[in-house]
Amino acid sequence: MSATIQHTDVGAYALGLLEEPDRRAFERHLSSCMACHRELGSLRGLAASLDGLPPIAEDPPPPAPPDPGVVGDLLRRRRAGVRRRRVSQALVGVAAGLVLMGGAAGLGVTVASGEREAPPVAAAENGVEALFRDGRRVSATDPDTGVKGTVAMERKLWGSRVGLRLGGVQGPLECELVAVDRAGRPHVVAGWSVPPKGYGRPGSPAPLVMQGGTALAPDEIARFEVRTIGEHRRLLTVPNA
């Protein structure tokens, strides 16, 4: 055994892995080599620890294949569950369709033909027409510009909901409705653009109908003004009397 081999045999000797001739040769080398002696001392604790470990267990056998009868039963149950879900979904769809058809019949809406659909009652009641019907209304006509309008107000927790019906205005213009409080401060309610033909005029008889809002309560508003944006030209003043 060479010196190089003897130095590398420290671990094998500590674990008791050397054959008898090699073990005796290494012990003779160990008596004269302090480096191997120190390394052997540090490895003896590791060898003692390894002695206390149980032997490595063999790999467990592979699991037995499942019973074909059990597999078939599981597949049948899965297919039955899928069928039940499909039937339930179909029943829900039919029930929803019946509810929609019943609601349409109650409202007088033609569903099949698609020729005419009446607006939902709730939407109409919450629209601007309901505001003009139930809210507080004030009207005015400007003799110089010919613009005329009606403003409707409804008190809200956050201020006032405001509707405007405007006619006699010719475009093109960009306008805004302003609520002026009793201290003279303006509060913009809404803005819009006027096409060249205008609103409520020959060739375009329909008025402009729109709505907006302001933080002011109805009793805090002194008047409403319709102004042009940019030039601030006053087209109509509607006192809140």
Protein backbone atom coordinates (compact mmCIF):
# COMPACT_ATOMS: atom_id res chain seq x y z
CA MET A 1 0.00 0.00 0.00
CA SER A 2 1.44 3.38 -1.03
CA ALA A 3 1.57 6.40 1.28
CA THR A 4 -1.09 8.17 -0.83
CA ILE A 5 -3.41 5.23 -0.51
CA GLN A 6 -2.72 4.99 3.21
CA HIS A 7 -3.73 8.61 3.74
CA THR A 8 -6.99 8.15 1.89
CA ASP A 9 -7.91 5.03 3.88
CA VAL A 10 -8.70 6.92 7.11
CA GLY A 11 -12.45 6.97 6.51
CA ALA A 12 -12.63 3.36 5.44
CA TYR A 13 -10.66 2.33 8.54
CA ALA A 14 -12.91 4.37 10.86
CA LEU A 15 -15.99 2.66 9.42
CA GLY A 16 -14.41 -0.82 9.54
CA LEU A 17 -14.50 -1.31 5.78
CA LEU A 18 -10.87 -2.33 5.20
CA GLU A 19 -9.96 -5.93 4.54
CA GLU A 20 -7.74 -7.56 7.16
CA PRO A 21 -4.38 -7.10 5.28
CA ASP A 22 -5.19 -3.46 4.49
CA ARG A 23 -6.35 -2.82 8.05
CA ARG A 24 -3.06 -4.09 9.52
CA ALA A 25 -1.07 -2.05 7.00
CA PHE A 26 -3.01 1.09 7.82
CA GLU A 27 -2.50 0.58 11.57
CA ARG A 28 1.26 0.43 11.01
CA HIS A 29 1.02 3.63 8.98
CA LEU A 30 -1.15 5.25 11.63
CA SER A 31 1.49 4.82 14.34
CA SER A 32 3.84 7.11 12.45
CA CYS A 33 1.40 9.59 10.77
CA MET A 34 -0.01 12.29 13.06
CA ALA A 35 -2.19 13.76 10.28
CA CYS A 36 -4.06 10.48 9.82
CA HIS A 37 -4.22 10.06 13.60
CA ARG A 38 -5.94 13.45 14.04
CA GLU A 39 -8.34 12.77 11.12
CA LEU A 40 -9.22 9.38 12.58
CA GLY A 41 -10.07 11.01 15.90
CA SER A 42 -12.51 13.38 14.22
CA LEU A 43 -14.17 10.49 12.29
CA ARG A 44 -14.68 8.16 15.25
CA GLY A 45 -17.71 10.21 16.46
CA LEU A 46 -19.31 9.93 13.02
CA ALA A 47 -18.73 6.19 12.99
CA ALA A 48 -20.36 5.85 16.42
CA SER A 49 -23.39 7.81 15.23
CA LEU A 50 -23.77 5.64 12.14
CA ASP A 51 -23.61 2.49 14.26
CA GLY A 52 -26.87 3.55 15.98
CA LEU A 53 -28.87 3.90 12.75
CA PRO A 54 -31.23 1.10 11.69
CA PRO A 55 -30.57 -0.67 8.40
CA ILE A 56 -32.00 0.94 5.27
CA ALA A 57 -35.41 -0.50 4.50
CA GLU A 58 -36.03 -1.97 1.12
CA ASP A 59 -38.37 -0.19 -1.28
CA PRO A 60 -42.00 -1.15 -0.63
CA PRO A 61 -43.62 -3.32 -3.25
CA PRO A 62 -45.74 -1.53 -5.87
CA PRO A 63 -49.47 -1.29 -5.06
CA ALA A 64 -51.69 -3.96 -6.43
CA PRO A 65 -53.73 -2.98 -9.49
CA PRO A 66 -57.33 -1.92 -8.65
CA ASP A 67 -60.13 -4.38 -9.01
CA PRO A 68 -61.71 -3.97 -12.49
CA GLY A 69 -65.15 -4.18 -10.89
CA VAL A 70 -64.38 -1.22 -8.59
CA VAL A 71 -63.07 0.85 -11.51
CA GLY A 72 -66.18 0.15 -13.54
CA ASP A 73 -68.43 1.14 -10.64
CA LEU A 74 -66.58 4.45 -10.20
CA LEU A 75 -66.93 5.25 -13.92
CA ARG A 76 -70.65 4.49 -13.84
CA ARG A 77 -71.14 6.80 -10.84
CA ARG A 78 -69.21 9.60 -12.58
CA ARG A 79 -71.33 9.31 -15.73
CA ALA A 80 -74.52 9.35 -13.64
CA GLY A 81 -73.36 12.51 -11.83
CA VAL A 82 -72.66 14.25 -15.15
CA ARG A 83 -76.15 13.36 -16.40
CA ARG A 84 -77.77 14.70 -13.23
CA ARG A 85 -75.91 18.02 -13.55
CA ARG A 86 -76.96 18.39 -17.19
CA VAL A 87 -80.60 17.70 -16.34
CA SER A 88 -80.49 20.24 -13.48
CA GLN A 89 -79.00 22.91 -15.74
CA ALA A 90 -81.62 22.27 -18.38
CA LEU A 91 -84.44 22.57 -15.82
CA VAL A 92 -83.00 25.85 -14.53
CA GLY A 93 -82.88 27.23 -18.08
CA VAL A 94 -86.48 26.22 -18.74
CA ALA A 95 -87.63 27.80 -15.48
CA ALA A 96 -85.80 31.05 -16.27
CA GLY A 97 -87.37 31.12 -19.72
CA LEU A 98 -90.86 30.65 -18.26
CA VAL A 99 -90.26 33.50 -15.79
CA LEU A 100 -89.10 35.82 -18.56
CA MET A 101 -92.06 34.91 -20.77
CA GLY A 102 -94.47 35.41 -17.90
CA GLY A 103 -92.95 38.79 -17.08
CA ALA A 104 -93.12 39.83 -20.72
CA ALA A 105 -96.76 38.84 -20.94
CA GLY A 106 -97.56 40.85 -17.81
CA LEU A 107 -95.91 43.95 -19.28
CA GLY A 108 -97.50 43.58 -22.71
CA VAL A 109 -94.14 43.05 -24.44
CA THR A 110 -93.98 41.07 -27.68
CA VAL A 111 -91.04 38.69 -27.27
CA ALA A 112 -91.23 36.46 -30.36
CA SER A 113 -91.73 39.03 -33.08
CA GLY A 114 -89.15 41.53 -31.82
CA GLU A 115 -91.12 44.31 -33.50
CA ARG A 116 -91.96 46.35 -30.39
CA GLU A 117 -90.68 46.32 -26.85
CA ALA A 118 -92.13 48.52 -24.16
CA PRO A 119 -89.60 50.01 -21.74
CA PRO A 120 -89.52 48.46 -18.27
CA VAL A 121 -91.86 50.15 -15.82
CA ALA A 122 -89.12 50.64 -13.21
CA ALA A 123 -86.84 52.37 -15.71
CA ALA A 124 -89.62 54.69 -16.85
CA GLU A 125 -90.57 55.58 -13.28
CA ASN A 126 -86.95 56.48 -12.47
CA GLY A 127 -86.38 58.43 -15.70
CA VAL A 128 -86.43 62.13 -16.45
CA GLU A 129 -90.12 62.03 -17.43
CA ALA A 130 -90.99 60.92 -13.90
CA LEU A 131 -88.90 63.81 -12.60
CA PHE A 132 -90.90 66.29 -14.67
CA ARG A 133 -94.15 64.68 -13.55
CA ASP A 134 -93.44 64.47 -9.82
CA GLY A 135 -90.73 67.07 -9.17
CA ARG A 136 -90.95 70.79 -8.58
CA ARG A 137 -91.09 72.62 -11.93
CA VAL A 138 -90.23 76.18 -12.96
CA SER A 139 -90.34 77.58 -16.52
CA ALA A 140 -89.28 80.69 -18.40
CA THR A 141 -88.77 82.14 -21.91
CA ASP A 142 -86.09 84.64 -22.86
CA PRO A 143 -87.60 87.36 -25.11
CA ASP A 144 -84.23 88.27 -26.64
CA THR A 145 -82.85 84.83 -27.53
CA GLY A 146 -86.17 83.03 -27.96
CA VAL A 147 -84.90 80.15 -25.83
CA LYS A 148 -87.49 78.60 -23.54
CA GLY A 149 -87.14 75.90 -20.94
CA THR A 150 -88.54 74.05 -17.95
CA VAL A 151 -86.48 72.90 -15.00
CA ALA A 152 -87.64 70.15 -12.63
CA MET A 153 -86.06 69.52 -9.22
CA GLU A 154 -86.16 66.66 -6.73
CA ARG A 155 -84.62 66.74 -3.26
CA LYS A 156 -81.98 64.08 -2.61
CA LEU A 157 -79.76 63.29 0.37
CA TRP A 158 -76.77 64.50 -1.65
CA GLY A 159 -78.47 67.66 -2.99
CA SER A 160 -80.89 67.99 -5.91
CA ARG A 161 -81.65 65.96 -8.97
CA VAL A 162 -82.34 68.37 -11.83
CA GLY A 163 -84.06 67.85 -15.18
CA LEU A 164 -84.09 70.26 -18.13
CA ARG A 165 -86.42 70.51 -21.13
CA LEU A 166 -85.07 73.12 -23.55
CA GLY A 167 -86.27 74.46 -26.90
CA GLY A 168 -85.79 77.39 -29.26
CA VAL A 169 -82.00 77.05 -29.27
CA GLN A 170 -79.96 76.87 -32.48
CA GLY A 171 -76.44 75.49 -32.84
CA PRO A 172 -73.72 74.78 -33.14
CA LEU A 173 -73.13 75.61 -29.50
CA GLU A 174 -71.69 74.15 -26.32
CA CYS A 175 -73.89 74.94 -23.35
CA GLU A 176 -74.22 74.29 -19.65
CA LEU A 177 -76.99 74.52 -17.07
CA VAL A 178 -75.92 76.42 -13.97
CA ALA A 179 -77.68 76.58 -10.58
CA VAL A 180 -77.01 79.93 -8.91
CA ASP A 181 -77.30 79.87 -5.12
CA ARG A 182 -78.71 82.73 -3.04
CA ALA A 183 -75.21 84.13 -2.51
CA GLY A 184 -74.75 84.44 -6.29
CA ARG A 185 -72.31 81.55 -6.68
CA PRO A 186 -72.73 79.35 -9.78
CA HIS A 187 -72.86 75.55 -9.59
CA VAL A 188 -72.69 73.63 -12.88
CA VAL A 189 -75.47 71.04 -13.16
CA ALA A 190 -74.79 69.59 -16.64
CA GLY A 191 -73.24 70.39 -20.02
CA TRP A 192 -74.06 69.43 -23.62
CA SER A 193 -73.51 70.37 -27.25
CA VAL A 194 -76.20 71.74 -29.60
CA PRO A 195 -76.14 70.49 -33.22
CA PRO A 196 -76.50 73.02 -36.05
CA LYS A 197 -80.25 72.40 -36.41
CA GLY A 198 -80.73 73.01 -32.70
CA TYR A 199 -83.60 71.89 -30.50
CA GLY A 200 -87.26 72.92 -30.57
CA ARG A 201 -86.92 74.80 -33.85
CA PRO A 202 -88.29 74.39 -37.42
CA GLY A 203 -86.65 71.33 -38.93
CA SER A 204 -85.75 70.01 -35.46
CA PRO A 205 -88.91 70.33 -33.35
CA ALA A 206 -87.95 67.93 -30.56
CA PRO A 207 -86.71 69.69 -27.40
CA LEU A 208 -83.55 68.77 -25.55
CA VAL A 209 -84.41 66.67 -22.49
CA MET A 210 -81.65 65.82 -20.02
CA GLN A 211 -80.86 65.63 -16.35
CA GLY A 212 -78.01 66.31 -13.96
CA GLY A 213 -77.41 67.11 -10.32
CA THR A 214 -76.12 69.67 -7.85
CA ALA A 215 -75.07 69.63 -4.21
CA LEU A 216 -77.52 72.46 -3.52
CA ALA A 217 -80.93 71.72 -2.04
CA PRO A 218 -83.90 73.08 -4.04
CA ASP A 219 -84.57 75.87 -1.53
CA GLU A 220 -80.89 76.97 -1.74
CA ILE A 221 -81.18 77.71 -5.48
CA ALA A 222 -82.11 81.25 -6.48
CA ARG A 223 -82.26 80.65 -10.25
CA PHE A 224 -81.07 78.49 -13.13
CA GLU A 225 -79.15 79.81 -16.10
CA VAL A 226 -78.41 78.28 -19.52
CA ARG A 227 -75.04 79.63 -20.66
CA THR A 228 -72.66 79.07 -23.55
CA ILE A 229 -69.39 77.45 -22.54
CA GLY A 230 -66.36 79.66 -23.05
CA GLU A 231 -68.21 82.89 -23.84
CA HIS A 232 -70.56 82.54 -20.83
CA ARG A 233 -73.33 84.13 -22.86
CA ARG A 234 -76.63 83.80 -21.05
CA LEU A 235 -79.33 82.22 -23.22
CA LEU A 236 -82.02 81.70 -20.57
CA THR A 237 -82.69 82.54 -16.93
CA VAL A 238 -85.25 80.49 -14.99
CA PRO A 239 -86.06 81.93 -11.55
CA ASN A 240 -86.65 79.41 -8.79
CA ALA A 241 -89.68 81.22 -7.41
